[in-house]
Amino acid sequence: MENVKVVAKVPVRIDFAGGWTDIRPYTLKKQGWVLNATIDRFIVGTLTRKSTPPYISVAYSSPVPTGSGLGTSSAMNVLYLGLLNPDKAHNRANLAETAYQFETLLGIKGGKQDQYAAAFGGFNLMRFYRGTVEVERITPPAAFVRELESKITLCYTGESRLSSEVHSRVWDGITSGHVGLTQCFDEMARIARRMAFLFKHGDMDGIVELLIAHNFSQNEVSPFGEDSGIQKAGRIADLVHGTLCGKVCGAGGGGCVFFISKTVRDRNALRDGLLKSNNGFQIIPFHFTEKGFHIVD
């Protein structure tokens, strides 16, 4: 029997608003809403079935580091499960939910947006409530998507975010009914719904305004230290003319941050400033993609 190989790809995501509101303690009581989009930094997995031990092996290659805040770990789990059962991977909701349940069995405290983003792909508004997930595909105007791609900078700070540690603290706070945290979650969920409407209409100014508002709540939930890479990148961005806003990706505490600039020239100036700062920052180039998990022919 010859070795049989199956190759598949899965994207990572950028979360624009509502991250955190997809965790179970919150969604048992209230509706969580998340707006995110997948990018063409694909993790590639190769499953090999052999006639001799080990009968199955899986190898991965990733263009982004784990701990980037782009949902890499959950995307890899979606990829692994999709490779094991490629004939069932067309049921994207089941693939995403199975990946989430797999992580839960491992004792990982986290939300569901990463698994569903990886499985479905594209711009999506997701609703989470009492174990159910609804995914609404958002289709922004093509010209707006090109404009956003030309003005956005995705920067990896070089510091791996500690998502499980951060999640444990916030998870416990929401479970115990912490009023301040709950109010922040409520506001982030509200902003996600409003921002989805603005994406549909390509309203860049409105989106920037909401990203700034979202930062106040997100920073209350997961603050970062003055000497963190996130803060250092933010201070550089503040000094560069034309930087409109920025947002930490994922749970915070490290990983990636993205910035939106007024013009392409301003974006280039920002990228130069980040790369020349000697902080070890990396710029991750990308385009948005509608592709979720898929088998490579």
Protein backbone atom coordinates (compact mmCIF):
# COMPACT_ATOMS: atom_id res chain seq x y z
CA MET A 1 0.00 0.00 0.00
CA GLU A 2 1.42 3.36 -1.05
CA ASN A 3 1.44 6.35 1.27
CA VAL A 4 -1.62 8.56 0.81
CA LYS A 5 -1.28 12.30 1.38
CA VAL A 6 -3.98 14.89 1.95
CA VAL A 7 -3.02 18.58 1.91
CA ALA A 8 -5.27 21.33 3.24
CA LYS A 9 -5.09 25.02 4.12
CA VAL A 10 -6.76 27.18 6.72
CA PRO A 11 -6.58 30.98 7.20
CA VAL A 12 -5.95 33.06 10.30
CA ARG A 13 -8.10 36.08 11.15
CA ILE A 14 -8.12 39.70 12.24
CA ASP A 15 -10.80 40.58 14.79
CA PHE A 16 -12.26 44.05 14.37
CA ALA A 17 -14.75 44.15 17.26
CA GLY A 18 -16.46 42.04 19.89
CA GLY A 19 -13.62 39.70 20.74
CA TRP A 20 -14.06 38.26 24.27
CA THR A 21 -17.86 38.29 24.00
CA ASP A 22 -17.69 34.78 22.49
CA ILE A 23 -16.63 33.10 25.74
CA ARG A 24 -19.06 30.72 27.42
CA PRO A 25 -19.65 32.52 30.78
CA TYR A 26 -20.86 35.61 28.93
CA THR A 27 -22.89 33.88 26.22
CA LEU A 28 -24.80 31.81 28.78
CA LYS A 29 -26.40 35.05 29.95
CA LYS A 30 -26.14 37.46 27.01
CA GLN A 31 -25.61 37.50 23.27
CA GLY A 32 -22.00 37.81 22.19
CA TRP A 33 -21.23 39.45 18.85
CA VAL A 34 -17.91 39.35 16.98
CA LEU A 35 -16.88 40.91 13.67
CA ASN A 36 -13.77 39.43 12.09
CA ALA A 37 -12.18 38.72 8.72
CA THR A 38 -9.77 36.08 7.48
CA ILE A 39 -6.50 36.93 5.75
CA ASP A 40 -4.40 35.01 3.22
CA ARG A 41 -1.73 33.91 5.67
CA PHE A 42 -2.63 30.23 5.34
CA ILE A 43 -1.46 27.45 7.61
CA VAL A 44 -0.76 24.37 5.49
CA GLY A 45 -1.22 20.87 6.82
CA THR A 46 -0.21 17.55 5.24
CA LEU A 47 -1.67 14.30 6.52
CA THR A 48 0.09 11.11 5.46
CA ARG A 49 -1.50 7.69 5.86
CA LYS A 50 1.02 4.86 5.88
CA SER A 51 0.90 1.07 5.82
CA THR A 52 3.51 0.88 8.60
CA PRO A 53 3.69 2.60 12.03
CA PRO A 54 3.11 5.41 12.62
CA TYR A 55 0.07 4.90 10.41
CA ILE A 56 -0.91 8.56 10.42
CA SER A 57 1.32 11.63 10.61
CA VAL A 58 0.50 15.31 10.25
CA ALA A 59 2.97 18.08 9.40
CA TYR A 60 2.29 21.80 9.53
CA SER A 61 3.81 24.96 8.15
CA SER A 62 2.65 28.40 9.26
CA PRO A 63 3.54 31.88 7.93
CA VAL A 64 2.66 33.47 11.28
CA PRO A 65 3.93 32.57 14.75
CA THR A 66 1.73 30.97 17.41
CA GLY A 67 0.77 33.51 20.05
CA SER A 68 0.26 36.14 17.35
CA GLY A 69 -3.30 36.93 18.43
CA LEU A 70 -4.55 35.92 14.97
CA GLY A 71 -6.27 32.71 16.07
CA THR A 72 -3.41 30.48 14.95
CA SER A 73 -3.80 27.75 17.57
CA SER A 74 -7.51 27.21 16.92
CA ALA A 75 -6.97 27.40 13.16
CA MET A 76 -4.47 24.54 13.46
CA ASN A 77 -7.05 22.46 15.34
CA VAL A 78 -9.61 23.09 12.59
CA LEU A 79 -6.97 22.08 10.06
CA TYR A 80 -6.10 18.88 11.95
CA LEU A 81 -9.72 17.76 12.29
CA GLY A 82 -10.47 18.64 8.68
CA LEU A 83 -7.54 16.55 7.52
CA LEU A 84 -8.68 13.57 9.58
CA ASN A 85 -12.19 13.71 8.12
CA PRO A 86 -11.97 15.54 4.78
CA ASP A 87 -15.28 14.08 3.56
CA LYS A 88 -17.12 15.76 6.46
CA ALA A 89 -15.24 19.07 6.38
CA HIS A 90 -17.84 20.63 4.07
CA ASN A 91 -20.03 21.04 7.17
CA ARG A 92 -18.14 24.08 8.34
CA ALA A 93 -20.21 24.74 11.44
CA ASN A 94 -19.67 21.17 12.65
CA LEU A 95 -15.95 21.38 11.89
CA ALA A 96 -15.61 24.60 13.90
CA GLU A 97 -17.70 23.35 16.81
CA THR A 98 -15.78 20.07 16.98
CA ALA A 99 -12.51 22.01 17.14
CA TYR A 100 -13.89 24.12 19.99
CA GLN A 101 -15.07 21.05 21.91
CA PHE A 102 -11.67 19.43 21.36
CA GLU A 103 -9.99 22.44 22.98
CA THR A 104 -12.48 22.37 25.85
CA LEU A 105 -11.56 18.74 26.55
CA LEU A 106 -7.93 19.84 26.76
CA GLY A 107 -8.88 22.37 29.44
CA ILE A 108 -8.32 25.41 27.24
CA LYS A 109 -10.45 28.40 28.21
CA GLY A 110 -11.32 30.42 25.14
CA GLY A 111 -14.04 31.55 22.79
CA LYS A 112 -15.36 30.28 19.49
CA GLN A 113 -14.64 33.04 16.99
CA ASP A 114 -11.26 31.65 15.88
CA GLN A 115 -12.56 28.19 15.01
CA TYR A 116 -15.54 29.55 13.07
CA ALA A 117 -13.42 32.13 11.23
CA ALA A 118 -10.93 29.44 10.18
CA ALA A 119 -13.66 27.07 9.02
CA PHE A 120 -15.85 29.61 7.18
CA GLY A 121 -13.41 32.27 5.93
CA GLY A 122 -14.38 35.77 4.81
CA PHE A 123 -15.80 38.81 6.59
CA ASN A 124 -18.30 37.57 9.17
CA LEU A 125 -20.55 38.86 11.92
CA MET A 126 -20.96 36.07 14.46
CA ARG A 127 -23.63 35.74 17.14
CA PHE A 128 -22.99 33.52 20.17
CA TYR A 129 -25.75 32.65 22.62
CA ARG A 130 -26.26 29.66 24.93
CA GLY A 131 -24.17 27.29 22.86
CA THR A 132 -25.54 28.31 19.47
CA VAL A 133 -23.54 30.15 16.82
CA GLU A 134 -24.91 32.09 13.85
CA VAL A 135 -22.53 33.25 11.13
CA GLU A 136 -23.60 36.09 8.83
CA ARG A 137 -21.35 36.63 5.83
CA ILE A 138 -20.58 40.33 5.33
CA THR A 139 -19.81 41.55 1.81
CA PRO A 140 -18.15 44.98 1.90
CA PRO A 141 -17.82 46.90 -1.38
CA ALA A 142 -14.80 45.64 -3.33
CA ALA A 143 -13.35 49.15 -3.62
CA PHE A 144 -13.57 49.57 0.14
CA VAL A 145 -11.73 46.28 0.75
CA ARG A 146 -8.92 47.38 -1.58
CA GLU A 147 -8.73 50.73 0.20
CA LEU A 148 -8.56 49.08 3.62
CA GLU A 149 -5.85 46.70 2.46
CA SER A 150 -3.81 49.64 1.17
CA LYS A 151 -4.03 51.57 4.45
CA ILE A 152 -3.75 48.87 7.11
CA THR A 153 -0.54 47.75 8.81
CA LEU A 154 -0.41 44.44 10.66
CA CYS A 155 2.52 44.38 13.06
CA TYR A 156 3.78 41.43 15.09
CA THR A 157 5.40 42.80 18.24
CA GLY A 158 7.65 39.79 18.78
CA GLU A 159 6.00 39.07 22.12
CA SER A 160 3.79 35.99 22.24
CA ARG A 161 0.52 36.83 23.94
CA LEU A 162 -0.46 34.54 26.84
CA SER A 163 -4.04 33.98 25.80
CA SER A 164 -4.86 31.14 28.21
CA GLU A 165 -3.59 33.10 31.22
CA VAL A 166 -5.46 36.24 30.20
CA HIS A 167 -8.57 34.22 29.41
CA SER A 168 -8.53 32.58 32.85
CA ARG A 169 -8.56 35.93 34.63
CA VAL A 170 -11.30 37.41 32.49
CA TRP A 171 -13.27 34.14 32.43
CA ASP A 172 -13.34 34.07 36.24
CA GLY A 173 -14.38 37.73 36.37
CA ILE A 174 -17.33 37.25 34.02
CA THR A 175 -18.35 34.03 35.79
CA SER A 176 -18.47 35.86 39.13
CA GLY A 177 -20.55 38.67 37.61
CA HIS A 178 -17.95 41.45 37.73
CA VAL A 179 -19.99 44.54 36.84
CA GLY A 180 -17.19 46.51 35.17
CA LEU A 181 -16.11 43.63 32.94
CA THR A 182 -19.70 42.84 31.97
CA GLN A 183 -20.32 46.45 30.95
CA CYS A 184 -17.20 46.39 28.77
CA PHE A 185 -18.37 43.17 27.13
CA ASP A 186 -21.81 44.70 26.49
CA GLU A 187 -20.21 47.71 24.79
CA MET A 188 -17.85 45.63 22.63
CA ALA A 189 -20.75 43.44 21.45
CA ARG A 190 -22.79 46.54 20.59
CA ILE A 191 -19.90 48.02 18.62
CA ALA A 192 -19.42 44.77 16.65
CA ARG A 193 -23.02 44.88 15.42
CA ARG A 194 -22.79 48.54 14.49
CA MET A 195 -19.41 48.09 12.79
CA ALA A 196 -20.76 45.25 10.62
CA PHE A 197 -23.32 47.69 9.21
CA LEU A 198 -20.54 50.17 8.41
CA PHE A 199 -18.46 47.47 6.70
CA LYS A 200 -21.43 46.64 4.48
CA HIS A 201 -21.52 50.27 3.37
CA GLY A 202 -17.76 50.85 3.22
CA ASP A 203 -17.79 53.65 5.79
CA MET A 204 -14.10 54.01 6.68
CA ASP A 205 -14.54 57.10 8.87
CA GLY A 206 -17.28 55.43 10.89
CA ILE A 207 -15.24 52.26 11.32
CA VAL A 208 -12.23 54.22 12.59
CA GLU A 209 -14.45 56.03 15.09
CA LEU A 210 -15.83 52.74 16.40
CA LEU A 211 -12.38 51.14 16.61
CA ILE A 212 -11.27 54.00 18.85
CA ALA A 213 -14.34 53.53 21.04
CA HIS A 214 -13.80 49.77 21.14
CA ASN A 215 -10.25 50.26 22.42
CA PHE A 216 -11.48 51.85 25.64
CA SER A 217 -13.44 48.73 26.58
CA GLN A 218 -10.87 46.23 25.30
CA ASN A 219 -8.08 47.95 27.24
CA GLU A 220 -10.16 47.73 30.41
CA VAL A 221 -10.61 44.00 29.89
CA SER A 222 -7.00 43.15 29.02
CA PRO A 223 -4.59 46.01 29.80
CA PHE A 224 -0.94 45.77 28.80
CA GLY A 225 2.17 47.08 30.51
CA GLU A 226 3.97 50.31 29.66
CA ASP A 227 7.01 48.40 28.42
CA SER A 228 5.05 45.93 26.32
CA GLY A 229 5.58 45.66 22.59
CA ILE A 230 1.97 46.74 22.05
CA GLN A 231 2.57 50.00 23.92
CA LYS A 232 5.87 50.64 22.14
CA ALA A 233 4.25 50.14 18.74
CA GLY A 234 1.40 52.40 19.77
CA ARG A 235 3.75 55.19 20.81
CA ILE A 236 5.51 55.02 17.44
CA ALA A 237 2.17 55.14 15.64
CA ASP A 238 1.15 58.20 17.67
CA LEU A 239 4.19 60.06 16.35
CA VAL A 240 3.54 59.24 12.68
CA HIS A 241 1.32 61.69 10.83
CA GLY A 242 -1.86 60.18 9.44
CA THR A 243 -2.23 57.22 11.78
CA LEU A 244 -5.98 57.13 12.42
CA CYS A 245 -6.31 54.28 14.91
CA GLY A 246 -4.94 50.95 16.05
CA LYS A 247 -6.27 47.78 17.65
CA VAL A 248 -4.74 44.86 19.48
CA CYS A 249 -5.52 41.49 17.90
CA GLY A 250 -6.95 38.67 19.95
CA ALA A 251 -6.85 38.51 23.74
CA GLY A 252 -4.11 41.10 24.11
CA GLY A 253 -1.00 40.94 26.25
CA GLY A 254 1.23 40.64 23.17
CA GLY A 255 1.05 39.28 19.66
CA CYS A 256 -0.16 41.51 16.83
CA VAL A 257 -1.62 44.97 16.57
CA PHE A 258 -3.00 46.62 13.45
CA PHE A 259 -3.12 50.28 12.50
CA ILE A 260 -5.14 52.15 9.88
CA SER A 261 -3.54 55.16 8.19
CA LYS A 262 -5.11 58.05 6.34
CA THR A 263 -3.14 57.52 3.13
CA VAL A 264 -0.81 54.93 1.60
CA ARG A 265 2.06 57.35 2.11
CA ASP A 266 1.20 57.60 5.82
CA ARG A 267 1.03 53.80 6.01
CA ASN A 268 4.49 53.49 4.46
CA ALA A 269 5.88 56.03 6.92
CA LEU A 270 4.40 54.08 9.81
CA ARG A 271 5.85 50.80 8.57
CA ASP A 272 9.28 52.40 8.22
CA GLY A 273 9.04 53.77 11.74
CA LEU A 274 8.11 50.41 13.21
CA LEU A 275 10.83 48.50 11.36
CA LYS A 276 13.55 51.03 12.20
CA SER A 277 12.68 51.19 15.90
CA ASN A 278 14.96 48.27 16.85
CA ASN A 279 12.13 46.65 18.81
CA GLY A 280 12.07 43.49 16.72
CA PHE A 281 8.74 44.32 15.08
CA GLN A 282 7.65 42.42 11.97
CA ILE A 283 5.23 43.66 9.34
CA ILE A 284 2.89 40.93 8.10
CA PRO A 285 1.70 41.65 4.54
CA PHE A 286 -1.69 40.25 3.61
CA HIS A 287 -4.89 40.46 1.63
CA PHE A 288 -8.32 39.54 2.94
CA THR A 289 -9.62 36.18 1.76
CA GLU A 290 -13.01 34.53 1.54
CA LYS A 291 -11.47 31.06 1.73
CA GLY A 292 -11.88 29.06 4.91
CA PHE A 293 -10.65 25.50 5.42
CA HIS A 294 -10.12 23.82 2.07
CA ILE A 295 -8.45 20.77 0.60
CA VAL A 296 -5.65 21.47 -1.87
CA ASP A 297 -6.00 19.43 -5.06
